[in-house]
Protein backbone atom coordinates (compact mmCIF):
# COMPACT_ATOMS: atom_id res chain seq x y z
CA MET A 1 33.07 -79.32 26.49
CA LYS A 2 29.94 -79.95 24.47
CA ILE A 3 29.01 -83.38 23.18
CA LYS A 4 26.82 -83.40 20.09
CA GLY A 5 23.71 -85.64 19.85
CA LYS A 6 25.25 -87.87 17.17
CA THR A 7 28.27 -88.55 19.39
CA ILE A 8 26.01 -89.57 22.30
CA LEU A 9 24.10 -91.98 20.03
CA ILE A 10 27.34 -93.61 18.82
CA ILE A 11 28.56 -94.08 22.42
CA ALA A 12 25.22 -95.62 23.42
CA LEU A 13 25.34 -98.08 20.51
CA LEU A 14 28.92 -99.09 21.36
CA LEU A 15 27.95 -99.74 24.98
CA THR A 16 25.02 -101.85 23.81
CA LEU A 17 27.19 -103.97 21.52
CA GLU A 18 29.59 -104.63 24.37
CA GLY A 19 26.79 -105.77 26.69
CA GLY A 20 26.41 -102.43 28.36
CA LEU A 21 23.22 -100.35 28.13
CA PRO A 22 20.16 -101.91 26.46
CA ILE A 23 18.88 -100.52 23.21
CA LEU A 24 16.09 -97.99 23.70
CA GLY A 25 12.74 -99.81 24.20
CA GLN A 26 14.37 -103.20 24.86
CA ALA A 27 14.28 -104.31 28.50
CA ARG A 28 17.07 -106.52 29.78
CA ILE A 29 15.78 -109.81 31.21
CA GLY A 30 16.28 -110.04 34.98
CA GLU A 31 18.30 -112.80 36.59
CA ASP A 32 15.17 -114.16 38.32
CA GLU A 33 13.23 -114.47 35.06
CA LYS A 34 16.27 -116.00 33.33
CA LEU A 35 16.62 -118.60 36.08
CA LEU A 36 12.94 -119.54 35.83
CA GLN A 37 13.09 -119.87 32.04
CA GLU A 38 16.20 -122.03 32.22
CA ALA A 39 14.61 -124.20 34.92
CA LYS A 40 11.48 -124.74 32.82
CA LEU A 41 13.59 -125.93 29.90
CA LEU A 42 15.38 -128.37 32.19
CA ILE A 43 12.03 -129.57 33.55
CA PHE A 44 10.83 -130.15 29.99
CA ASP A 45 13.86 -132.42 29.54
CA LYS A 46 13.10 -134.06 32.93
CA ASN A 47 16.47 -132.92 34.25
CA TRP A 48 15.04 -132.52 37.73
CA SER A 49 18.23 -132.04 39.73
CA GLU A 50 19.67 -129.28 37.52
CA ALA A 51 16.30 -127.52 37.36
CA GLU A 52 16.10 -127.70 41.16
CA LYS A 53 19.47 -125.93 41.44
CA LYS A 54 18.30 -123.05 39.22
CA LEU A 55 15.07 -122.67 41.18
CA ALA A 56 16.87 -122.81 44.53
CA VAL A 57 19.05 -119.89 43.43
CA LEU A 58 15.96 -117.91 42.43
CA VAL A 59 14.21 -118.65 45.75
CA ASN A 60 17.26 -117.91 47.89
CA ASN A 61 18.54 -114.83 46.05
CA HIS A 62 15.30 -113.18 44.89
CA PRO A 63 12.73 -113.35 47.72
CA LYS A 64 10.89 -110.30 46.35
CA SER A 65 10.76 -111.54 42.76
CA GLY A 66 7.46 -111.59 40.94
CA TYR A 67 8.42 -115.13 39.90
CA TYR A 68 8.95 -116.33 43.49
CA SER A 69 5.63 -118.19 43.79
CA GLN A 70 6.09 -119.98 40.47
CA ALA A 71 9.62 -120.91 41.51
CA LEU A 72 8.28 -122.54 44.70
CA PHE A 73 5.77 -124.59 42.72
CA TYR A 74 8.31 -125.83 40.18
CA LEU A 75 10.85 -126.45 42.95
CA GLY A 76 8.31 -128.75 44.61
CA LYS A 77 7.70 -130.51 41.30
CA CYS A 78 11.43 -131.14 40.78
CA GLN A 79 11.87 -132.41 44.33
CA SER A 80 8.84 -134.70 44.09
CA GLU A 81 10.40 -136.41 41.07
CA GLN A 82 13.55 -137.31 43.02
CA SER A 83 13.59 -140.22 45.46
CA GLY A 84 14.18 -139.20 49.05
CA LYS A 85 13.04 -135.59 48.58
CA GLU A 86 9.35 -136.10 49.35
CA LYS A 87 9.46 -134.00 52.54
CA ALA A 88 11.31 -131.17 50.83
CA ALA A 89 8.73 -131.25 48.02
CA LEU A 90 5.88 -131.05 50.52
CA GLY A 91 7.50 -128.01 52.12
CA SER A 92 7.83 -126.28 48.76
CA PHE A 93 4.21 -126.96 47.74
CA GLU A 94 2.86 -125.88 51.12
CA ALA A 95 4.91 -122.66 50.97
CA PHE A 96 3.51 -122.07 47.46
CA LEU A 97 -0.08 -122.48 48.65
CA LYS A 98 0.46 -119.92 51.43
CA ARG A 99 1.52 -117.23 48.96
CA PRO A 100 -1.16 -114.58 48.28
CA ASP A 101 0.25 -114.10 44.77
CA ARG A 102 0.20 -117.79 43.84
CA PRO A 103 -1.05 -118.43 40.26
CA GLN A 104 -4.52 -119.97 40.61
CA GLY A 105 -3.92 -122.23 37.62
CA LEU A 106 -1.28 -124.14 39.60
CA VAL A 107 -3.15 -124.48 42.90
CA GLU A 108 -5.09 -127.65 42.04
CA GLU A 109 -1.97 -129.36 40.73
CA ALA A 110 -0.08 -128.46 43.92
CA GLU A 111 -2.88 -129.88 46.10
CA ILE A 112 -2.91 -133.14 44.13
CA ALA A 113 0.88 -133.37 44.43
CA ILE A 114 0.59 -132.97 48.21
CA ILE A 115 -1.93 -135.85 48.32
CA ASP A 116 0.45 -138.10 46.38
CA LEU A 117 3.42 -137.16 48.56
CA ALA A 118 1.51 -137.58 51.82
CA PHE A 119 0.23 -140.99 50.63
CA CYS A 120 3.79 -142.05 49.80
CA LEU A 121 5.20 -140.94 53.18
CA PHE A 122 2.31 -142.50 55.12
CA SER A 123 2.76 -145.79 53.24
CA GLN A 124 6.43 -145.72 54.28
CA GLY A 125 5.32 -145.73 57.92
CA GLN A 126 5.31 -142.01 58.66
CA LYS A 127 1.82 -141.88 60.12
CA GLU A 128 1.82 -138.14 60.88
CA TYR A 129 1.21 -137.43 57.19
CA SER A 130 -2.30 -138.89 57.37
CA ARG A 131 -3.46 -135.40 58.43
CA LEU A 132 -2.66 -134.01 54.99
CA LEU A 133 -4.87 -136.65 53.39
CA GLN A 134 -7.73 -136.18 55.85
CA ASP A 135 -7.69 -132.39 55.49
CA ARG A 136 -8.27 -132.64 51.75
CA LEU A 137 -11.41 -134.72 52.15
CA SER A 138 -13.13 -131.47 53.18
CA SER A 139 -11.61 -129.29 50.45
CA PRO A 140 -14.09 -126.89 48.80
CA ASN A 141 -12.65 -128.05 45.47
CA ARG A 142 -14.50 -131.21 44.40
CA VAL A 143 -11.60 -132.42 42.24
CA ILE A 144 -9.27 -132.35 45.26
CA ARG A 145 -11.91 -134.01 47.51
CA TYR A 146 -12.49 -136.79 45.00
CA TYR A 147 -8.80 -137.34 44.33
CA ALA A 148 -8.01 -137.56 48.06
CA ALA A 149 -10.83 -140.07 48.60
CA MET A 150 -9.81 -142.22 45.63
CA LYS A 151 -6.17 -142.20 46.76
CA MET A 152 -7.08 -143.09 50.34
CA SER A 153 -9.01 -146.14 49.12
CA TYR A 154 -5.62 -147.76 48.42
CA LEU A 155 -4.45 -147.41 52.04
CA LYS A 156 -3.85 -150.66 53.92
CA ASP A 157 -5.06 -148.93 57.09
CA LYS A 158 -8.78 -149.59 56.55
CA ASP A 159 -9.85 -147.37 59.47
CA LEU A 160 -8.16 -144.39 57.85
CA ALA A 161 -9.32 -145.41 54.37
CA GLY A 162 -12.87 -145.61 55.73
CA GLN A 163 -12.85 -141.86 56.33
CA ALA A 164 -13.04 -141.45 52.54
CA LEU A 165 -16.35 -143.35 52.30
CA PRO A 166 -18.67 -140.32 52.84
CA VAL A 167 -16.98 -138.45 49.98
CA LEU A 168 -17.17 -141.46 47.66
CA LEU A 169 -20.80 -142.19 48.51
CA LYS A 170 -21.71 -138.53 47.95
CA LEU A 171 -19.90 -138.65 44.61
CA ILE A 172 -22.01 -141.62 43.51
CA GLU A 173 -25.17 -139.84 44.59
CA THR A 174 -24.52 -136.48 42.91
CA GLU A 175 -22.18 -136.87 39.94
CA LYS A 176 -23.40 -137.38 36.37
CA ASP A 177 -20.11 -138.65 34.93
CA GLN A 178 -20.75 -142.41 34.82
CA GLU A 179 -17.08 -143.34 34.54
CA LEU A 180 -16.27 -141.27 37.62
CA VAL A 181 -19.15 -142.93 39.47
CA ASP A 182 -17.91 -146.39 38.47
CA ARG A 183 -14.41 -145.58 39.70
CA ALA A 184 -15.89 -144.41 43.01
CA ARG A 185 -17.72 -147.75 43.32
CA ILE A 186 -14.45 -149.61 42.81
CA ALA A 187 -12.74 -147.38 45.40
CA ILE A 188 -15.50 -148.25 47.88
CA LEU A 189 -15.07 -151.93 47.02
CA ARG A 190 -11.40 -151.62 47.99
CA ILE A 191 -12.35 -150.12 51.37
CA SER A 192 -15.51 -151.99 52.35
CA PRO A 193 -17.74 -153.91 49.91
CA ARG A 194 -20.57 -153.79 52.46
CA ALA A 195 -20.71 -150.00 52.09
CA LEU A 196 -22.17 -150.57 48.59
CA LYS A 197 -25.05 -152.65 49.89
CA ASP A 198 -27.59 -149.81 49.96
CA VAL A 199 -26.23 -147.89 46.95
CA PRO A 200 -28.63 -148.27 44.00
CA ASP A 201 -27.23 -149.14 40.58
CA ARG A 202 -27.82 -146.64 37.81
CA PRO A 203 -29.41 -147.72 34.53
CA ALA A 204 -26.83 -148.94 32.04
CA ARG A 205 -26.05 -146.86 28.98
CA GLU A 206 -27.36 -148.34 25.77
CA GLY A 207 -24.98 -150.82 24.17
CA LEU A 208 -22.72 -150.98 27.24
CA ARG A 209 -21.71 -154.45 28.43
CA LEU A 210 -21.78 -154.78 32.21
CA LEU A 211 -19.92 -157.02 34.61
CA LYS A 212 -22.45 -158.03 37.29
CA ILE A 213 -21.51 -159.37 40.70
CA ARG A 214 -23.92 -160.64 43.35
CA VAL A 215 -22.83 -162.00 46.74
CA TYR A 216 -25.28 -164.00 48.86
CA GLU A 217 -24.40 -164.75 52.46
CA LYS A 218 -25.17 -168.21 53.83
CA GLY A 219 -28.90 -168.87 54.08
CA LYS A 220 -29.97 -165.50 52.62
CA LYS A 221 -31.91 -164.95 49.39
CA VAL A 222 -31.22 -161.22 49.14
CA PRO A 223 -27.67 -160.34 47.99
CA SER A 224 -25.43 -158.67 50.58
CA LEU A 225 -23.46 -157.11 47.72
CA SER A 226 -24.75 -156.13 44.29
CA MET A 227 -22.51 -154.42 41.71
CA ASN A 228 -22.87 -153.51 38.04
CA LEU A 229 -19.68 -152.23 36.42
CA PRO A 230 -18.73 -151.53 32.81
CA LEU A 231 -16.76 -154.45 31.42
CA ALA A 232 -13.99 -152.00 30.51
CA LEU A 233 -13.41 -151.49 34.26
CA ALA A 234 -13.44 -155.20 35.13
CA ASP A 235 -9.67 -155.25 35.68
CA LEU A 236 -10.00 -152.47 38.26
CA ALA A 237 -12.74 -154.40 40.03
CA ILE A 238 -10.53 -157.48 40.24
CA GLN A 239 -7.63 -155.37 41.55
CA ALA A 240 -9.91 -154.10 44.30
CA ILE A 241 -10.26 -157.63 45.72
CA SER A 242 -7.52 -158.40 48.24
CA GLU A 243 -4.85 -160.94 47.32
CA GLU A 244 -5.91 -163.01 50.33
CA GLU A 245 -9.51 -163.25 49.09
CA LYS A 246 -8.36 -164.05 45.54
CA ALA A 247 -6.10 -166.78 46.91
CA LYS A 248 -9.02 -168.33 48.84
CA ILE A 249 -11.17 -168.34 45.70
CA LYS A 250 -8.31 -169.79 43.66
CA GLU A 251 -7.94 -172.64 46.19
CA LYS A 252 -11.52 -173.57 45.32
CA GLY A 253 -10.46 -173.90 41.69
CA TYR A 254 -11.54 -170.48 40.44
CA ASP A 255 -9.14 -168.00 38.82
CA LEU A 256 -10.93 -164.63 38.75
CA ASP A 257 -8.74 -163.18 36.01
CA ARG A 258 -9.45 -166.17 33.78
CA ILE A 259 -13.15 -166.09 34.64
CA ILE A 260 -13.47 -162.46 33.50
CA SER A 261 -11.54 -163.23 30.34
CA ASP A 262 -13.82 -166.19 29.54
CA LEU A 263 -16.97 -164.22 30.35
CA ALA A 264 -15.91 -161.39 28.08
CA ARG A 265 -15.95 -163.81 25.14
CA ALA A 266 -19.29 -165.28 26.16
CA LYS A 267 -22.73 -163.76 26.43
CA GLU A 268 -24.78 -163.87 29.63
CA LYS A 269 -22.77 -166.87 30.88
CA LEU A 270 -23.07 -167.23 34.65
CA VAL A 271 -20.22 -168.24 36.96
CA ARG A 272 -21.36 -169.40 40.39
CA ILE A 273 -18.86 -169.79 43.23
CA GLU A 274 -19.88 -171.41 46.53
CA GLU A 275 -17.70 -171.10 49.61
CA ASP A 276 -18.74 -172.06 53.17
CA GLY A 277 -22.39 -171.57 52.27
CA ASN A 278 -21.77 -168.15 50.71
CA ILE A 279 -22.50 -167.74 47.01
CA ILE A 280 -20.84 -165.42 44.48
CA GLU A 281 -22.44 -165.00 41.05
CA ILE A 282 -20.59 -163.26 38.23
CA TRP A 283 -21.91 -162.71 34.73
CA ILE A 284 -21.86 -160.22 31.86
CA GLU A 285 -24.84 -158.62 30.13
C-alpha cells in the first residue's frame, strides 16, 4: 500500500497537535532544561524549598545533563537560604566548583557563598570549618581573598581572625579604591588596632570630612594608634570597638555614638578622653 506525501503530512500534523512529534524545525524542550527553568522562576519568587525539589530531581535523574553544573550551583543557593541546610549547601557549592564545565560567571559567587556558610558554621561552634575560611585567604582571585579577610575580621576567635591581617594590610598598600581601603582599616581595627600603628594614612580627597582618632598610651607623646576615616564610615568604626571597651568609656561619662553625632554637627571640635593615663582624642576635619 502506498501512502501519498499529503497523507503523511496530515498524519504528522495530527500527531503534533496531540503532543506527539514536534513540528519540523522545533525542538522539544528536555526535562532537565524544563526543571532548571521552573526552578529559576521559583528562585525569583524566593520559593527556596520548591526550587530545591526541582533541582534535586534534575541532579538525581540527569547526571549527564548539560545543565548539571548550573543545577548544583542553584541547589546550593536554595539550601543556603534555608535554616539548618548550611552543610548541604556547602556540599552543593563544593561539588559545583569541582566540575570542569562549571560556568565561570558563577564561580566567584559560589566561593563567596562558601565563605559565608563556613563563617556561619564556625560561629555556631563547628571549628572544623575554619579551614574553608583560611584556604580562601590565598585565593588567586583578589575579590575572594578580600572578602574572606573582611569576613574573618568579625570572628570572636582573634587568633584565627589575625590570619587575615596580611591580606588586609596588603590591600591597604596596593589598592587605589579609597572606600575599599577604609573598610580594610576598619576590619583591622576589629582584629587588632595596634596592627594599624605603622600603616601610613593616605591624603584625604578634597572636600571629604574625616573622623580622626589618636590614642596616646600613658606617658608617651607619640600616638600608639592613628586613624583617619571618612565621616560616612564613622558608624562602622564605632561598631569595630568591642562592647566591653565602649562600656568602659561610657562609665567615664562618654557615649561614643553621641560624641560622633555631636562632632558631625561641629567643625574641628576636639573630644579628649583620659583613662588610666591613656588619652584618646577624636575630632573631625
